[in-house]
Amino acid sequence: MQKNSKIYIAGHRGMVGSSLLRNLEAKGFTNLALRTSSELDLRNTAAVAEFFEKEKPEYVFLAAAKVGGIMANNTYRADFLYENLMIQNNVIHQSYLSGVQKLLFLGSSCIYPKMAPQPLKEDYLLTGTLEPTNEPYAIAKIAGIKMCDAYRSQYNCNFISAMPTNLYGPNDNYDLNNSHVLPAMLRKFHEAKNDNNRDVELWGSGTPLREFLHTDDLAEACVFLMENFNDYGQINLGIGEDLSIKELAELIQKITGHEGNIIWDSSKPDGTPRKLMDVSKINDMGWKAKISLEEGITKVYQDKFLV
């Protein structure tokens, strides 16, 4: 990518897209094509076709998606499948039709089988059944990977796929019904601290293991891949370390200064037992995450709740 290359970030207002925008602007990229969801509905095929015909971006970061935590994924199963398929189908196909030089499609670690060996290697895709609670979202993301590969095979498009682990960072979603575990915990502990350190109730047993990557690290990895990766299949993005949900809760309790009790509701689902990414492929290419979990959460907490 040249500094004046026209770059389209699909989803630039979201947590991932906004990190990409900050990263590219900091690096001196100035020719950015941006549309909010109200300006361009990526589920609308005709609207997306008109946008690509008019703007003719050279590079596309496909970070737009309908996302949420366990409850949202399990409740709005049809919406998660339909909307994500429509978004990626439209953007990937129109990128091909308008001659985009390179596209990066972003997925999620939930594409891997629920009981896959740990850490999760890229080769484990489609080797077993998925976690039932987020299967529709995972199916959509798997379709996106295969779509990029198919367009590469049939049309020689330079479309690549990257699968991040669990993400957190600025512009996260803190809605307790639809958010992921880390931002939901931050909000719960913060509000409990401000309410006389009342007890915090959390879902599940606390035993599942999870890995978390700051979106600023993710954005750095995406730009690195846009400049260095040109191949079939997905590449994993993560920090290469995990911790239990119980350890995460205790870390967030420490960062927020909450002094009450933590109560685990074991009647609620745990989700996948473990989701640690094997990131040796991108590490071997020369990229590694830099932001530690405690450092990253502390910064997010200060910026969101202590301003």
C-alpha atoms as a PDB file:
ATOM      1  CA  MET A   1       0.000   0.000   0.000  1.00  0.00           C
ATOM      2  CA  GLN A   2       1.186   3.480  -0.886  1.00  0.00           C
ATOM      3  CA  LYS A   3       0.414   6.437   1.385  1.00  0.00           C
ATOM      4  CA  ASN A   4      -2.040   7.754  -1.229  1.00  0.00           C
ATOM      5  CA  SER A   5      -3.621   4.367  -2.066  1.00  0.00           C
ATOM      6  CA  LYS A   6      -7.398   4.476  -1.749  1.00  0.00           C
ATOM      7  CA  ILE A   7      -8.313   2.285   1.236  1.00  0.00           C
ATOM      8  CA  TYR A   8     -11.816   1.277   2.303  1.00  0.00           C
ATOM      9  CA  ILE A   9     -12.363   0.203   5.916  1.00  0.00           C
ATOM     10  CA  ALA A  10     -15.744  -1.532   6.139  1.00  0.00           C
ATOM     11  CA  GLY A  11     -16.929  -0.978   9.706  1.00  0.00           C
ATOM     12  CA  HIS A  12     -14.655   1.947  10.612  1.00  0.00           C
ATOM     13  CA  ARG A  13     -16.885   2.984  13.526  1.00  0.00           C
ATOM     14  CA  GLY A  14     -16.659  -0.399  15.262  1.00  0.00           C
ATOM     15  CA  MET A  15     -14.042  -1.527  17.736  1.00  0.00           C
ATOM     16  CA  VAL A  16     -11.849  -3.237  15.127  1.00  0.00           C
ATOM     17  CA  GLY A  17     -12.436  -0.766  12.292  1.00  0.00           C
ATOM     18  CA  SER A  18     -11.753   2.277  14.443  1.00  0.00           C
ATOM     19  CA  SER A  19      -8.432   0.761  15.568  1.00  0.00           C
ATOM     20  CA  LEU A  20      -7.544   0.180  11.901  1.00  0.00           C
ATOM     21  CA  LEU A  21      -8.460   3.773  11.100  1.00  0.00           C
ATOM     22  CA  ARG A  22      -6.268   5.138  13.903  1.00  0.00           C
ATOM     23  CA  ASN A  23      -3.376   2.888  12.833  1.00  0.00           C
ATOM     24  CA  LEU A  24      -3.532   3.859   9.155  1.00  0.00           C
ATOM     25  CA  GLU A  25      -3.860   7.572   9.918  1.00  0.00           C
ATOM     26  CA  ALA A  26      -0.885   7.364  12.293  1.00  0.00           C
ATOM     27  CA  LYS A  27       1.148   5.757   9.503  1.00  0.00           C
ATOM     28  CA  GLY A  28       0.315   8.594   7.117  1.00  0.00           C
ATOM     29  CA  PHE A  29      -2.341   6.980   4.911  1.00  0.00           C
ATOM     30  CA  THR A  30      -4.625   9.793   3.816  1.00  0.00           C
ATOM     31  CA  ASN A  31      -6.899   8.503   1.028  1.00  0.00           C
ATOM     32  CA  LEU A  32      -9.464   6.663   3.115  1.00  0.00           C
ATOM     33  CA  ALA A  33     -12.951   5.833   1.841  1.00  0.00           C
ATOM     34  CA  LEU A  34     -15.277   5.659   4.846  1.00  0.00           C
ATOM     35  CA  ARG A  35     -19.037   5.216   5.220  1.00  0.00           C
ATOM     36  CA  THR A  36     -21.105   4.793   8.369  1.00  0.00           C
ATOM     37  CA  SER A  37     -23.757   2.067   8.460  1.00  0.00           C
ATOM     38  CA  SER A  38     -26.449   4.732   8.051  1.00  0.00           C
ATOM     39  CA  GLU A  39     -24.690   6.041   4.924  1.00  0.00           C
ATOM     40  CA  LEU A  40     -24.085   2.584   3.439  1.00  0.00           C
ATOM     41  CA  ASP A  41     -26.010  -0.532   4.445  1.00  0.00           C
ATOM     42  CA  LEU A  42     -23.600  -3.343   3.605  1.00  0.00           C
ATOM     43  CA  ARG A  43     -26.502  -5.813   3.550  1.00  0.00           C
ATOM     44  CA  ASN A  44     -27.908  -3.930   0.537  1.00  0.00           C
ATOM     45  CA  THR A  45     -26.368  -5.383  -2.631  1.00  0.00           C
ATOM     46  CA  ALA A  46     -27.324  -2.484  -4.903  1.00  0.00           C
ATOM     47  CA  ALA A  47     -25.993   0.117  -2.456  1.00  0.00           C
ATOM     48  CA  VAL A  48     -22.670  -1.707  -2.055  1.00  0.00           C
ATOM     49  CA  ALA A  49     -22.343  -2.060  -5.846  1.00  0.00           C
ATOM     50  CA  GLU A  50     -22.948   1.673  -6.274  1.00  0.00           C
ATOM     51  CA  PHE A  51     -20.350   2.517  -3.611  1.00  0.00           C
ATOM     52  CA  PHE A  52     -17.630   0.366  -5.214  1.00  0.00           C
ATOM     53  CA  GLU A  53     -18.426   1.675  -8.682  1.00  0.00           C
ATOM     54  CA  LYS A  54     -18.124   5.266  -7.475  1.00  0.00           C
ATOM     55  CA  GLU A  55     -15.174   5.016  -5.054  1.00  0.00           C
ATOM     56  CA  LYS A  56     -13.115   2.211  -6.663  1.00  0.00           C
ATOM     57  CA  PRO A  57     -10.993   1.440  -3.565  1.00  0.00           C
ATOM     58  CA  GLU A  58      -7.642  -0.263  -4.157  1.00  0.00           C
ATOM     59  CA  TYR A  59      -7.449  -1.960  -0.736  1.00  0.00           C
ATOM     60  CA  VAL A  60     -10.286  -3.202   1.480  1.00  0.00           C
ATOM     61  CA  PHE A  61     -10.261  -4.099   5.173  1.00  0.00           C
ATOM     62  CA  LEU A  62     -13.486  -6.017   5.812  1.00  0.00           C
ATOM     63  CA  ALA A  63     -14.030  -5.388   9.531  1.00  0.00           C
ATOM     64  CA  ALA A  64     -17.813  -4.896   9.408  1.00  0.00           C
ATOM     65  CA  ALA A  65     -19.905  -7.619  11.037  1.00  0.00           C
ATOM     66  CA  LYS A  66     -22.835  -8.262  13.331  1.00  0.00           C
ATOM     67  CA  VAL A  67     -21.163  -9.327  16.577  1.00  0.00           C
ATOM     68  CA  GLY A  68     -22.078 -10.143  20.167  1.00  0.00           C
ATOM     69  CA  GLY A  69     -21.529 -12.425  23.141  1.00  0.00           C
ATOM     70  CA  ILE A  70     -23.000 -15.843  23.994  1.00  0.00           C
ATOM     71  CA  MET A  71     -26.491 -14.537  24.736  1.00  0.00           C
ATOM     72  CA  ALA A  72     -26.759 -12.440  21.571  1.00  0.00           C
ATOM     73  CA  ASN A  73     -25.319 -15.178  19.361  1.00  0.00           C
ATOM     74  CA  ASN A  74     -27.682 -17.793  20.762  1.00  0.00           C
ATOM     75  CA  THR A  75     -30.786 -15.562  20.714  1.00  0.00           C
ATOM     76  CA  TYR A  76     -30.466 -13.941  17.287  1.00  0.00           C
ATOM     77  CA  ARG A  77     -29.224 -16.989  15.391  1.00  0.00           C
ATOM     78  CA  ALA A  78     -30.915 -16.153  12.090  1.00  0.00           C
ATOM     79  CA  ASP A  79     -29.798 -12.511  12.218  1.00  0.00           C
ATOM     80  CA  PHE A  80     -26.177 -13.456  12.877  1.00  0.00           C
ATOM     81  CA  LEU A  81     -26.118 -15.884   9.957  1.00  0.00           C
ATOM     82  CA  TYR A  82     -28.048 -13.781   7.432  1.00  0.00           C
ATOM     83  CA  GLU A  83     -26.538 -10.355   8.136  1.00  0.00           C
ATOM     84  CA  ASN A  84     -22.938 -11.536   8.225  1.00  0.00           C
ATOM     85  CA  LEU A  85     -23.346 -13.537   5.023  1.00  0.00           C
ATOM     86  CA  MET A  86     -24.913 -10.545   3.263  1.00  0.00           C
ATOM     87  CA  ILE A  87     -22.216  -8.110   4.436  1.00  0.00           C
ATOM     88  CA  GLN A  88     -19.287 -10.256   3.376  1.00  0.00           C
ATOM     89  CA  ASN A  89     -20.891 -11.546   0.168  1.00  0.00           C
ATOM     90  CA  ASN A  90     -21.555  -8.017  -1.006  1.00  0.00           C
ATOM     91  CA  VAL A  91     -18.165  -6.554  -0.074  1.00  0.00           C
ATOM     92  CA  ILE A  92     -16.102  -9.496  -1.369  1.00  0.00           C
ATOM     93  CA  HIS A  93     -18.019  -9.832  -4.644  1.00  0.00           C
ATOM     94  CA  GLN A  94     -18.006  -6.100  -5.382  1.00  0.00           C
ATOM     95  CA  SER A  95     -14.283  -5.976  -4.550  1.00  0.00           C
ATOM     96  CA  TYR A  96     -13.774  -8.573  -7.292  1.00  0.00           C
ATOM     97  CA  LEU A  97     -16.019  -6.760  -9.791  1.00  0.00           C
ATOM     98  CA  SER A  98     -14.379  -3.364  -9.230  1.00  0.00           C
ATOM     99  CA  GLY A  99     -10.806  -4.673  -9.378  1.00  0.00           C
ATOM    100  CA  VAL A 100      -9.694  -4.196  -5.769  1.00  0.00           C
ATOM    101  CA  GLN A 101      -5.960  -4.984  -5.525  1.00  0.00           C
ATOM    102  CA  LYS A 102      -6.172  -6.686  -2.138  1.00  0.00           C
ATOM    103  CA  LEU A 103      -8.812  -7.456   0.487  1.00  0.00           C
ATOM    104  CA  LEU A 104      -8.415  -8.596   4.093  1.00  0.00           C
ATOM    105  CA  PHE A 105     -11.387 -10.454   5.563  1.00  0.00           C
ATOM    106  CA  LEU A 106     -11.582 -10.618   9.355  1.00  0.00           C
ATOM    107  CA  GLY A 107     -13.240 -13.535  11.112  1.00  0.00           C
ATOM    108  CA  SER A 108     -13.097 -15.010  14.602  1.00  0.00           C
ATOM    109  CA  SER A 109     -11.567 -17.867  16.557  1.00  0.00           C
ATOM    110  CA  CYS A 110     -15.052 -19.396  16.907  1.00  0.00           C
ATOM    111  CA  ILE A 111     -14.620 -20.867  13.403  1.00  0.00           C
ATOM    112  CA  TYR A 112     -12.684 -23.763  14.965  1.00  0.00           C
ATOM    113  CA  PRO A 113     -14.356 -26.940  16.275  1.00  0.00           C
ATOM    114  CA  LYS A 114     -15.500 -26.828  19.891  1.00  0.00           C
ATOM    115  CA  MET A 115     -13.290 -29.724  20.956  1.00  0.00           C
ATOM    116  CA  ALA A 116     -10.315 -29.061  18.675  1.00  0.00           C
ATOM    117  CA  PRO A 117      -6.844 -29.712  20.132  1.00  0.00           C
ATOM    118  CA  GLN A 118      -5.186 -26.716  21.800  1.00  0.00           C
ATOM    119  CA  PRO A 119      -3.654 -24.415  20.750  1.00  0.00           C
ATOM    120  CA  LEU A 120      -5.810 -23.939  17.655  1.00  0.00           C
ATOM    121  CA  LYS A 121      -3.845 -24.382  14.450  1.00  0.00           C
ATOM    122  CA  GLU A 122      -5.066 -23.066  11.110  1.00  0.00           C
ATOM    123  CA  ASP A 123      -5.267 -26.679   9.863  1.00  0.00           C
ATOM    124  CA  TYR A 124      -8.039 -27.517  12.366  1.00  0.00           C
ATOM    125  CA  LEU A 125     -10.722 -25.693  10.362  1.00  0.00           C
ATOM    126  CA  LEU A 126     -13.667 -27.978   9.474  1.00  0.00           C
ATOM    127  CA  THR A 127     -12.302 -30.974  11.381  1.00  0.00           C
ATOM    128  CA  GLY A 128     -15.183 -31.202  13.902  1.00  0.00           C
ATOM    129  CA  THR A 129     -18.470 -29.751  15.157  1.00  0.00           C
ATOM    130  CA  LEU A 130     -18.742 -26.127  16.232  1.00  0.00           C
ATOM    131  CA  GLU A 131     -19.747 -24.640  19.592  1.00  0.00           C
ATOM    132  CA  PRO A 132     -23.584 -24.666  19.327  1.00  0.00           C
ATOM    133  CA  THR A 133     -24.207 -21.236  20.896  1.00  0.00           C
ATOM    134  CA  ASN A 134     -22.374 -19.310  18.169  1.00  0.00           C
ATOM    135  CA  GLU A 135     -22.584 -21.770  15.282  1.00  0.00           C
ATOM    136  CA  PRO A 136     -24.481 -19.396  12.907  1.00  0.00           C
ATOM    137  CA  TYR A 137     -21.848 -16.678  13.296  1.00  0.00           C
ATOM    138  CA  ALA A 138     -19.036 -19.213  12.858  1.00  0.00           C
ATOM    139  CA  ILE A 139     -20.669 -20.675   9.733  1.00  0.00           C
ATOM    140  CA  ALA A 140     -20.830 -17.190   8.195  1.00  0.00           C
ATOM    141  CA  LYS A 141     -17.166 -16.542   8.951  1.00  0.00           C
ATOM    142  CA  ILE A 142     -16.105 -19.926   7.555  1.00  0.00           C
ATOM    143  CA  ALA A 143     -18.043 -19.065   4.399  1.00  0.00           C
ATOM    144  CA  GLY A 144     -16.092 -15.805   4.188  1.00  0.00           C
ATOM    145  CA  ILE A 145     -12.758 -17.622   4.358  1.00  0.00           C
ATOM    146  CA  LYS A 146     -13.839 -20.069   1.671  1.00  0.00           C
ATOM    147  CA  MET A 147     -15.195 -17.228  -0.454  1.00  0.00           C
ATOM    148  CA  CYS A 148     -11.840 -15.428  -0.371  1.00  0.00           C
ATOM    149  CA  ASP A 149     -10.109 -18.684  -1.308  1.00  0.00           C
ATOM    150  CA  ALA A 150     -12.594 -19.363  -4.125  1.00  0.00           C
ATOM    151  CA  TYR A 151     -12.180 -15.898  -5.632  1.00  0.00           C
ATOM    152  CA  ARG A 152      -8.412 -16.310  -5.371  1.00  0.00           C
ATOM    153  CA  SER A 153      -8.658 -19.665  -7.161  1.00  0.00           C
ATOM    154  CA  GLN A 154     -11.177 -18.755  -9.872  1.00  0.00           C
ATOM    155  CA  TYR A 155     -10.461 -15.078 -10.470  1.00  0.00           C
ATOM    156  CA  ASN A 156      -6.885 -14.707  -9.136  1.00  0.00           C
ATOM    157  CA  CYS A 157      -8.042 -12.142  -6.558  1.00  0.00           C
ATOM    158  CA  ASN A 158      -5.576 -11.333  -3.777  1.00  0.00           C
ATOM    159  CA  PHE A 159      -8.138 -11.820  -1.000  1.00  0.00           C
ATOM    160  CA  ILE A 160      -6.779 -12.965   2.389  1.00  0.00           C
ATOM    161  CA  SER A 161      -8.363 -13.974   5.701  1.00  0.00           C
ATOM    162  CA  ALA A 162      -7.281 -13.371   9.296  1.00  0.00           C
ATOM    163  CA  MET A 163      -8.891 -14.885  12.394  1.00  0.00           C
ATOM    164  CA  PRO A 164      -8.382 -12.898  15.605  1.00  0.00           C
ATOM    165  CA  THR A 165      -8.817 -14.310  19.075  1.00  0.00           C
ATOM    166  CA  ASN A 166     -11.123 -12.561  21.579  1.00  0.00           C
ATOM    167  CA  LEU A 167     -10.716  -8.802  21.223  1.00  0.00           C
ATOM    168  CA  TYR A 168     -11.012  -5.794  23.509  1.00  0.00           C
ATOM    169  CA  GLY A 169     -10.159  -2.125  23.203  1.00  0.00           C
ATOM    170  CA  PRO A 170     -11.590   1.364  22.644  1.00  0.00           C
ATOM    171  CA  ASN A 171     -15.145   1.531  21.223  1.00  0.00           C
ATOM    172  CA  ASP A 172     -16.094  -1.834  22.692  1.00  0.00           C
ATOM    173  CA  ASN A 173     -19.733  -2.762  23.371  1.00  0.00           C
ATOM    174  CA  TYR A 174     -20.688  -2.583  27.063  1.00  0.00           C
ATOM    175  CA  ASP A 175     -24.359  -3.586  26.727  1.00  0.00           C
ATOM    176  CA  LEU A 176     -24.773  -6.383  29.270  1.00  0.00           C
ATOM    177  CA  ASN A 177     -27.187  -8.301  27.006  1.00  0.00           C
ATOM    178  CA  ASN A 178     -25.056  -8.239  23.867  1.00  0.00           C
ATOM    179  CA  SER A 179     -21.437  -7.689  24.882  1.00  0.00           C
ATOM    180  CA  HIS A 180     -18.504 -10.072  25.147  1.00  0.00           C
ATOM    181  CA  VAL A 181     -17.152 -11.315  28.455  1.00  0.00           C
ATOM    182  CA  LEU A 182     -14.355  -8.787  29.080  1.00  0.00           C
ATOM    183  CA  PRO A 183     -16.300  -5.523  28.545  1.00  0.00           C
ATOM    184  CA  ALA A 184     -19.316  -6.991  30.364  1.00  0.00           C
ATOM    185  CA  MET A 185     -17.107  -7.761  33.365  1.00  0.00           C
ATOM    186  CA  LEU A 186     -15.566  -4.290  33.311  1.00  0.00           C
ATOM    187  CA  ARG A 187     -18.985  -2.687  33.470  1.00  0.00           C
ATOM    188  CA  LYS A 188     -20.289  -5.074  36.133  1.00  0.00           C
ATOM    189  CA  PHE A 189     -17.306  -4.587  38.454  1.00  0.00           C
ATOM    190  CA  HIS A 190     -17.255  -0.818  37.937  1.00  0.00           C
ATOM    191  CA  GLU A 191     -20.954  -0.445  38.713  1.00  0.00           C
ATOM    192  CA  ALA A 192     -20.726  -2.807  41.696  1.00  0.00           C
ATOM    193  CA  LYS A 193     -17.777  -0.837  43.099  1.00  0.00           C
ATOM    194  CA  ASN A 194     -19.773   2.383  42.829  1.00  0.00           C
ATOM    195  CA  ASP A 195     -22.735   0.668  44.503  1.00  0.00           C
ATOM    196  CA  ASN A 196     -21.018   0.098  47.868  1.00  0.00           C
ATOM    197  CA  ASN A 197     -18.914  -2.788  46.539  1.00  0.00           C
ATOM    198  CA  ARG A 198     -21.920  -5.069  46.152  1.00  0.00           C
ATOM    199  CA  ASP A 199     -21.313  -8.652  45.042  1.00  0.00           C
ATOM    200  CA  VAL A 200     -20.801  -9.388  41.336  1.00  0.00           C
ATOM    201  CA  GLU A 201     -22.606 -12.357  39.786  1.00  0.00           C
ATOM    202  CA  LEU A 202     -20.959 -13.916  36.719  1.00  0.00           C
ATOM    203  CA  TRP A 203     -22.047 -16.618  34.293  1.00  0.00           C
ATOM    204  CA  GLY A 204     -20.711 -20.155  34.351  1.00  0.00           C
ATOM    205  CA  SER A 205     -18.062 -21.852  36.439  1.00  0.00           C
ATOM    206  CA  GLY A 206     -15.103 -19.564  35.711  1.00  0.00           C
ATOM    207  CA  THR A 207     -13.046 -22.501  34.450  1.00  0.00           C
ATOM    208  CA  PRO A 208     -13.010 -21.902  30.644  1.00  0.00           C
ATOM    209  CA  LEU A 209      -9.746 -20.525  29.320  1.00  0.00           C
ATOM    210  CA  ARG A 210      -9.670 -17.497  27.042  1.00  0.00           C
ATOM    211  CA  GLU A 211      -7.095 -15.426  25.172  1.00  0.00           C
ATOM    212  CA  PHE A 212      -7.499 -11.671  24.649  1.00  0.00           C
ATOM    213  CA  LEU A 213      -5.883  -9.377  22.082  1.00  0.00           C
ATOM    214  CA  HIS A 214      -5.996  -5.574  22.212  1.00  0.00           C
ATOM    215  CA  THR A 215      -7.432  -4.072  19.032  1.00  0.00           C
ATOM    216  CA  ASP A 216      -4.421  -1.785  18.637  1.00  0.00           C
ATOM    217  CA  ASP A 217      -2.277  -4.920  18.332  1.00  0.00           C
ATOM    218  CA  LEU A 218      -4.862  -6.392  15.941  1.00  0.00           C
ATOM    219  CA  ALA A 219      -4.759  -3.306  13.722  1.00  0.00           C
ATOM    220  CA  GLU A 220      -0.964  -3.489  13.571  1.00  0.00           C
ATOM    221  CA  ALA A 221      -1.231  -7.162  12.573  1.00  0.00           C
ATOM    222  CA  CYS A 222      -3.810  -6.411   9.852  1.00  0.00           C
ATOM    223  CA  VAL A 223      -1.618  -3.766   8.217  1.00  0.00           C
ATOM    224  CA  PHE A 224       1.344  -6.151   8.499  1.00  0.00           C
ATOM    225  CA  LEU A 225      -0.657  -8.873   6.716  1.00  0.00           C
ATOM    226  CA  MET A 226      -1.872  -6.494   4.022  1.00  0.00           C
ATOM    227  CA  GLU A 227       1.772  -5.829   3.216  1.00  0.00           C
ATOM    228  CA  ASN A 228       3.245  -9.321   3.774  1.00  0.00           C
ATOM    229  CA  PHE A 229       0.685 -12.139   3.405  1.00  0.00           C
ATOM    230  CA  ASN A 230      -0.657 -13.373   0.057  1.00  0.00           C
ATOM    231  CA  ASP A 231      -2.011 -16.897   0.290  1.00  0.00           C
ATOM    232  CA  TYR A 232      -4.959 -19.230   0.647  1.00  0.00           C
ATOM    233  CA  GLY A 233      -6.500 -20.041   4.012  1.00  0.00           C
ATOM    234  CA  GLN A 234      -6.825 -18.084   7.216  1.00  0.00           C
ATOM    235  CA  ILE A 235      -4.021 -16.894   9.469  1.00  0.00           C
ATOM    236  CA  ASN A 236      -4.482 -16.747  13.249  1.00  0.00           C
ATOM    237  CA  LEU A 237      -4.033 -13.515  15.199  1.00  0.00           C
ATOM    238  CA  GLY A 238      -3.552 -13.596  18.956  1.00  0.00           C
ATOM    239  CA  ILE A 239      -1.183 -13.093  21.828  1.00  0.00           C
ATOM    240  CA  GLY A 240      -0.402 -16.800  22.308  1.00  0.00           C
ATOM    241  CA  GLU A 241      -1.335 -16.944  26.027  1.00  0.00           C
ATOM    242  CA  ASP A 242      -4.614 -17.524  27.842  1.00  0.00           C
ATOM    243  CA  LEU A 243      -6.100 -17.383  31.335  1.00  0.00           C
ATOM    244  CA  SER A 244      -9.235 -18.711  33.012  1.00  0.00           C
ATOM    245  CA  ILE A 245     -12.397 -16.626  33.172  1.00  0.00           C
ATOM    246  CA  LYS A 246     -11.975 -16.723  36.971  1.00  0.00           C
ATOM    247  CA  GLU A 247      -8.466 -15.252  36.639  1.00  0.00           C
ATOM    248  CA  LEU A 248      -9.818 -12.625  34.254  1.00  0.00           C
ATOM    249  CA  ALA A 249     -12.520 -11.692  36.770  1.00  0.00           C
ATOM    250  CA  GLU A 250      -9.944 -11.356  39.535  1.00  0.00           C
ATOM    251  CA  LEU A 251      -7.719  -9.207  37.307  1.00  0.00           C
ATOM    252  CA  ILE A 252     -10.616  -6.907  36.412  1.00  0.00           C
ATOM    253  CA  GLN A 253     -11.664  -6.770  40.058  1.00  0.00           C
ATOM    254  CA  LYS A 254      -8.139  -5.623  40.930  1.00  0.00           C
ATOM    255  CA  ILE A 255      -8.016  -3.025  38.115  1.00  0.00           C
ATOM    256  CA  THR A 256     -11.423  -1.555  38.989  1.00  0.00           C
ATOM    257  CA  GLY A 257     -10.782  -1.585  42.734  1.00  0.00           C
ATOM    258  CA  HIS A 258     -13.928  -3.595  43.509  1.00  0.00           C
ATOM    259  CA  GLU A 259     -13.883  -5.076  47.045  1.00  0.00           C
ATOM    260  CA  GLY A 260     -17.034  -7.228  47.080  1.00  0.00           C
ATOM    261  CA  ASN A 261     -17.494 -10.943  46.419  1.00  0.00           C
ATOM    262  CA  ILE A 262     -17.630 -12.755  43.086  1.00  0.00           C
ATOM    263  CA  ILE A 263     -20.516 -15.230  42.751  1.00  0.00           C
ATOM    264  CA  TRP A 264     -20.507 -17.775  39.924  1.00  0.00           C
ATOM    265  CA  ASP A 265     -23.862 -18.905  38.470  1.00  0.00           C
ATOM    266  CA  SER A 266     -23.006 -22.404  37.274  1.00  0.00           C
ATOM    267  CA  SER A 267     -26.498 -22.860  35.786  1.00  0.00           C
ATOM    268  CA  LYS A 268     -25.447 -20.517  32.970  1.00  0.00           C
ATOM    269  CA  PRO A 269     -23.416 -21.805  29.976  1.00  0.00           C
ATOM    270  CA  ASP A 270     -19.622 -21.739  29.917  1.00  0.00           C
ATOM    271  CA  GLY A 271     -19.197 -21.896  26.147  1.00  0.00           C
ATOM    272  CA  THR A 272     -16.131 -23.522  24.638  1.00  0.00           C
ATOM    273  CA  PRO A 273     -13.738 -24.948  27.306  1.00  0.00           C
ATOM    274  CA  ARG A 274     -10.654 -23.363  25.745  1.00  0.00           C
ATOM    275  CA  LYS A 275      -9.839 -21.201  22.725  1.00  0.00           C
ATOM    276  CA  LEU A 276      -6.107 -20.542  22.539  1.00  0.00           C
ATOM    277  CA  MET A 277      -4.764 -19.610  19.113  1.00  0.00           C
ATOM    278  CA  ASP A 278      -1.588 -21.069  17.681  1.00  0.00           C
ATOM    279  CA  VAL A 279       0.032 -17.878  16.398  1.00  0.00           C
ATOM    280  CA  SER A 280       3.339 -19.410  15.309  1.00  0.00           C
ATOM    281  CA  LYS A 281       2.531 -18.747  11.637  1.00  0.00           C
ATOM    282  CA  ILE A 282       2.337 -14.957  11.970  1.00  0.00           C
ATOM    283  CA  ASN A 283       5.063 -14.904  14.652  1.00  0.00           C
ATOM    284  CA  ASP A 284       7.380 -16.693  12.222  1.00  0.00           C
ATOM    285  CA  MET A 285       6.594 -13.998   9.637  1.00  0.00           C
ATOM    286  CA  GLY A 286       7.876 -11.361  12.052  1.00  0.00           C
ATOM    287  CA  TRP A 287       4.824 -10.020  13.913  1.00  0.00           C
ATOM    288  CA  LYS A 288       4.077 -10.387  17.643  1.00  0.00           C
ATOM    289  CA  ALA A 289       1.562  -8.728  19.952  1.00  0.00           C
ATOM    290  CA  LYS A 290       3.040  -6.102  22.283  1.00  0.00           C
ATOM    291  CA  ILE A 291       0.278  -5.036  24.717  1.00  0.00           C
ATOM    292  CA  SER A 292      -0.013  -7.122  27.913  1.00  0.00           C
ATOM    293  CA  LEU A 293      -3.504  -7.950  29.185  1.00  0.00           C
ATOM    294  CA  GLU A 294      -3.210  -5.988  32.435  1.00  0.00           C
ATOM    295  CA  GLU A 295      -1.776  -2.971  30.627  1.00  0.00           C
ATOM    296  CA  GLY A 296      -4.470  -3.102  27.963  1.00  0.00           C
ATOM    297  CA  ILE A 297      -7.433  -3.542  30.327  1.00  0.00           C
ATOM    298  CA  THR A 298      -6.163  -0.786  32.628  1.00  0.00           C
ATOM    299  CA  LYS A 299      -5.990   1.664  29.714  1.00  0.00           C
ATOM    300  CA  VAL A 300      -9.434   0.675  28.424  1.00  0.00           C
ATOM    301  CA  TYR A 301     -10.930   1.013  31.907  1.00  0.00           C
ATOM    302  CA  GLN A 302      -9.393   4.420  32.510  1.00  0.00           C
ATOM    303  CA  ASP A 303     -10.497   5.745  29.121  1.00  0.00           C
ATOM    304  CA  LYS A 304     -14.056   4.391  29.334  1.00  0.00           C
ATOM    305  CA  PHE A 305     -15.028   4.669  32.978  1.00  0.00           C
ATOM    306  CA  LEU A 306     -12.645   7.122  34.678  1.00  0.00           C
ATOM    307  CA  VAL A 307     -12.762  10.107  32.304  1.00  0.00           C
END
